Amino acid sequence: MTRLMPRGSRPHAALLVAATALVWLIAGVAGALGGWMWWAVAALPTAALLVAPILLFWLSGERIWPTWVAFAFVFVLLLTAYAGPADWYLRAAGTRTTATVRESSCLETRNGRCLYRYRLHDASGAPLPGEFRDTVEYEYGSPVDVVVDPRGLLGPRLAADLDSRVFDVMALAGFAGFAATVAAATAVGRRDPDQPAPAPQTGP
């Protein structure tokens, strides 16, 4: 069988971890920007995340268990990819404000629930950039504490959601577990099973 990755190669292992972090970030940024075009862009790095564990099969010397273990951690990374980068950006660049609900519409999901789409206005009555989405229904004129992207790239997010670090912890655990699995696969791959064991020494 042709090997896509040299067995037990430490440089290739480090490259795999770095590439996984990069495609996770690209998928998150593209998904956060929204729109069909950006979701199409996000599809490629999302697929690359699913391919990463398969490469451990060759890195580990064609052992299957590192791939299955890595898939568990990659699943965690997939859950955080579309929230983590956007949260980091809004925490760093966003502006907290108390907005007022002015317009709303319902986008029905597959399970029949409403994903509400809101237009928010600031205290002066000016509309805030972007669209605020939530599964909670707010009455017209309700105050909402949000974080707003001053550049208008991302829609407003609830301030309480950004205060939570759940996705940060999940992403950190996912990357740590994936990196540890890659290191373990590299270690076992360096013990090449194709090389014959040394012949036992016999006495004179």
Protein backbone atom coordinates (compact mmCIF):
# COMPACT_ATOMS: atom_id res chain seq x y z
CA MET A 1 0.00 0.00 0.00
CA THR A 2 1.30 3.47 -0.88
CA ARG A 3 2.03 5.58 2.16
CA LEU A 4 0.73 9.14 2.09
CA MET A 5 2.91 10.08 5.05
CA PRO A 6 6.26 8.68 6.21
CA ARG A 7 5.90 6.47 9.25
CA GLY A 8 7.03 8.06 12.52
CA SER A 9 8.12 11.34 10.90
CA ARG A 10 8.25 14.08 13.54
CA PRO A 11 8.37 16.99 11.03
CA HIS A 12 5.31 15.60 9.26
CA ALA A 13 3.54 15.15 12.59
CA ALA A 14 4.20 18.79 13.54
CA LEU A 15 3.04 19.89 10.08
CA LEU A 16 -0.18 17.87 10.46
CA VAL A 17 -1.03 19.52 13.79
CA ALA A 18 -0.27 23.01 12.41
CA ALA A 19 -2.30 22.37 9.24
CA THR A 20 -5.24 21.10 11.30
CA ALA A 21 -5.22 24.30 13.38
CA LEU A 22 -5.07 26.40 10.20
CA VAL A 23 -7.98 24.70 8.45
CA TRP A 24 -10.01 24.89 11.69
CA LEU A 25 -9.43 28.65 11.75
CA ILE A 26 -10.26 29.08 8.04
CA ALA A 27 -13.47 27.05 8.41
CA GLY A 28 -14.51 29.13 11.41
CA VAL A 29 -13.84 32.49 9.76
CA ALA A 30 -15.64 31.54 6.55
CA GLY A 31 -18.59 30.07 8.44
CA ALA A 32 -18.90 33.16 10.64
CA LEU A 33 -19.05 35.48 7.63
CA GLY A 34 -22.16 33.60 6.45
CA GLY A 35 -23.78 33.60 3.04
CA TRP A 36 -23.77 30.75 0.53
CA MET A 37 -20.41 31.78 -0.95
CA TRP A 38 -18.61 31.74 2.40
CA TRP A 39 -20.29 28.48 3.41
CA ALA A 40 -18.96 26.99 0.18
CA VAL A 41 -15.49 28.26 1.11
CA ALA A 42 -15.86 26.71 4.58
CA ALA A 43 -16.74 23.30 3.11
CA LEU A 44 -13.18 22.57 1.91
CA PRO A 45 -11.36 23.12 5.24
CA THR A 46 -14.18 21.29 7.02
CA ALA A 47 -13.55 18.28 4.77
CA ALA A 48 -9.81 18.62 5.44
CA LEU A 49 -10.49 18.31 9.18
CA LEU A 50 -12.16 14.97 8.54
CA VAL A 51 -9.21 13.77 6.46
CA ALA A 52 -6.61 14.61 9.13
CA PRO A 53 -7.24 11.54 11.34
CA ILE A 54 -6.92 9.23 8.34
CA LEU A 55 -3.32 10.37 7.84
CA LEU A 56 -2.44 8.92 11.24
CA PHE A 57 -2.90 5.46 9.74
CA TRP A 58 0.31 5.93 7.73
CA LEU A 59 2.08 8.03 10.34
CA SER A 60 1.64 5.25 12.91
CA GLY A 61 2.89 2.49 10.64
CA GLU A 62 -0.55 1.46 9.36
CA ARG A 63 -2.18 1.07 12.74
CA ILE A 64 -5.89 1.86 12.90
CA TRP A 65 -6.39 2.90 16.53
CA PRO A 66 -4.79 6.40 16.23
CA THR A 67 -7.27 7.25 13.48
CA TRP A 68 -10.28 6.31 15.60
CA VAL A 69 -8.98 8.18 18.62
CA ALA A 70 -8.21 11.26 16.51
CA PHE A 71 -11.71 11.24 15.02
CA ALA A 72 -13.16 11.79 18.52
CA PHE A 73 -11.06 14.93 18.99
CA VAL A 74 -11.71 16.18 15.45
CA PHE A 75 -15.44 15.87 16.15
CA VAL A 76 -14.96 18.26 19.08
CA LEU A 77 -13.04 20.64 16.81
CA LEU A 78 -15.88 20.56 14.28
CA LEU A 79 -18.35 21.53 17.01
CA THR A 80 -16.23 24.57 17.92
CA ALA A 81 -15.01 25.65 14.47
CA TYR A 82 -18.00 27.86 13.65
CA ALA A 83 -18.08 29.56 17.05
CA GLY A 84 -14.52 29.85 18.35
CA PRO A 85 -12.86 32.21 15.83
CA ALA A 86 -15.91 34.50 15.70
CA ASP A 87 -16.03 34.70 19.49
CA TRP A 88 -12.33 35.60 19.67
CA TYR A 89 -12.74 38.32 17.07
CA LEU A 90 -15.77 39.93 18.72
CA ARG A 91 -14.18 39.84 22.16
CA ALA A 92 -11.14 41.65 20.79
CA ALA A 93 -12.75 44.11 18.36
CA GLY A 94 -16.43 44.26 19.28
CA THR A 95 -18.32 46.98 21.12
CA ARG A 96 -20.78 46.18 23.90
CA THR A 97 -24.07 48.00 23.81
CA THR A 98 -27.71 47.70 24.81
CA ALA A 99 -29.76 47.56 21.63
CA THR A 100 -33.49 47.60 20.95
CA VAL A 101 -35.40 45.12 18.81
CA ARG A 102 -37.10 46.89 15.89
CA GLU A 103 -37.72 44.27 13.20
CA SER A 104 -38.06 40.50 13.30
CA SER A 105 -38.78 37.59 11.00
CA CYS A 106 -38.88 33.81 11.40
CA LEU A 107 -36.68 31.44 9.43
CA GLU A 108 -38.16 27.98 9.94
CA THR A 109 -35.61 25.24 10.56
CA ARG A 110 -35.82 21.59 9.51
CA ASN A 111 -37.32 20.56 12.84
CA GLY A 112 -40.06 23.17 12.51
CA ARG A 113 -38.63 25.66 15.01
CA CYS A 114 -38.08 29.33 14.35
CA LEU A 115 -34.67 30.90 13.98
CA TYR A 116 -35.56 34.53 14.59
CA ARG A 117 -33.79 37.20 12.58
CA TYR A 118 -33.74 40.65 14.17
CA ARG A 119 -32.77 44.14 13.21
CA LEU A 120 -31.45 46.06 16.20
CA HIS A 121 -31.17 49.78 16.82
CA ASP A 122 -28.87 51.56 19.24
CA ALA A 123 -29.88 54.08 21.90
CA SER A 124 -29.95 56.92 19.35
CA GLY A 125 -32.31 54.97 17.10
CA ALA A 126 -29.70 54.22 14.44
CA PRO A 127 -29.71 50.67 13.03
CA LEU A 128 -26.83 48.45 14.06
CA PRO A 129 -24.83 46.74 11.29
CA GLY A 130 -25.52 43.09 10.64
CA GLU A 131 -28.36 40.77 11.54
CA PHE A 132 -28.93 39.38 15.01
CA ARG A 133 -30.15 35.76 15.10
CA ASP A 134 -31.49 33.79 18.02
CA THR A 135 -33.89 30.94 18.77
CA VAL A 136 -35.46 33.12 21.50
CA GLU A 137 -38.39 35.34 20.55
CA TYR A 138 -38.03 38.97 21.62
CA GLU A 139 -40.91 41.42 21.61
CA TYR A 140 -40.72 44.64 19.63
CA GLY A 141 -38.83 47.22 21.68
CA SER A 142 -37.13 44.68 23.94
CA PRO A 143 -33.65 45.66 25.16
CA VAL A 144 -30.87 43.21 24.30
CA ASP A 145 -27.26 43.33 25.55
CA VAL A 146 -25.09 42.55 22.53
CA VAL A 147 -21.57 42.88 21.18
CA VAL A 148 -21.43 44.62 17.82
CA ASP A 149 -18.75 44.32 15.15
CA PRO A 150 -17.82 47.93 14.27
CA ARG A 151 -16.74 46.79 10.80
CA GLY A 152 -20.07 45.11 10.15
CA LEU A 153 -18.49 41.83 9.07
CA LEU A 154 -20.32 39.79 11.69
CA GLY A 155 -23.81 40.21 13.06
CA PRO A 156 -24.40 41.22 16.69
CA ARG A 157 -23.93 38.48 19.30
CA LEU A 158 -25.38 38.21 22.78
CA ALA A 159 -22.90 39.55 25.32
CA ALA A 160 -23.73 36.64 27.66
CA ASP A 161 -22.71 34.12 24.97
CA LEU A 162 -19.33 35.80 24.53
CA ASP A 163 -18.79 35.86 28.30
CA SER A 164 -19.04 32.08 28.29
CA ARG A 165 -15.78 30.20 27.63
CA VAL A 166 -17.35 26.82 26.90
CA PHE A 167 -16.27 26.72 23.26
CA ASP A 168 -12.78 27.92 24.19
CA VAL A 169 -12.35 25.05 26.64
CA MET A 170 -13.76 22.54 24.14
CA ALA A 171 -11.44 23.76 21.37
CA LEU A 172 -8.41 23.64 23.68
CA ALA A 173 -9.29 20.10 24.77
CA GLY A 174 -9.83 19.06 21.14
CA PHE A 175 -6.47 20.40 19.98
CA ALA A 176 -4.62 19.00 22.99
CA GLY A 177 -6.15 15.56 22.48
CA PHE A 178 -5.47 15.60 18.75
CA ALA A 179 -1.86 16.70 19.24
CA ALA A 180 -1.33 13.99 21.86
CA THR A 181 -2.77 11.36 19.51
CA VAL A 182 -0.46 12.53 16.71
CA ALA A 183 2.51 12.30 19.07
CA ALA A 184 1.50 8.78 20.12
CA ALA A 185 1.03 7.73 16.48
CA THR A 186 4.47 9.12 15.65
CA ALA A 187 6.06 7.25 18.54
CA VAL A 188 4.59 3.88 17.60
CA GLY A 189 5.33 4.52 13.93
CA ARG A 190 9.02 4.89 14.67
CA ARG A 191 9.02 1.30 15.87
CA ASP A 192 9.04 -0.15 12.38
CA PRO A 193 7.37 -3.58 12.37
CA ASP A 194 8.79 -4.33 8.91
CA GLN A 195 12.31 -4.61 10.26
CA PRO A 196 13.17 -8.10 11.46
CA ALA A 197 13.84 -8.60 15.14
CA PRO A 198 17.52 -9.17 16.01
CA ALA A 199 18.52 -12.81 15.99
CA PRO A 200 19.09 -14.29 19.44
CA GLN A 201 22.71 -14.71 20.36
CA THR A 202 23.89 -18.25 20.97
CA GLY A 203 26.79 -19.31 23.08
CA PRO A 204 30.01 -20.70 21.63
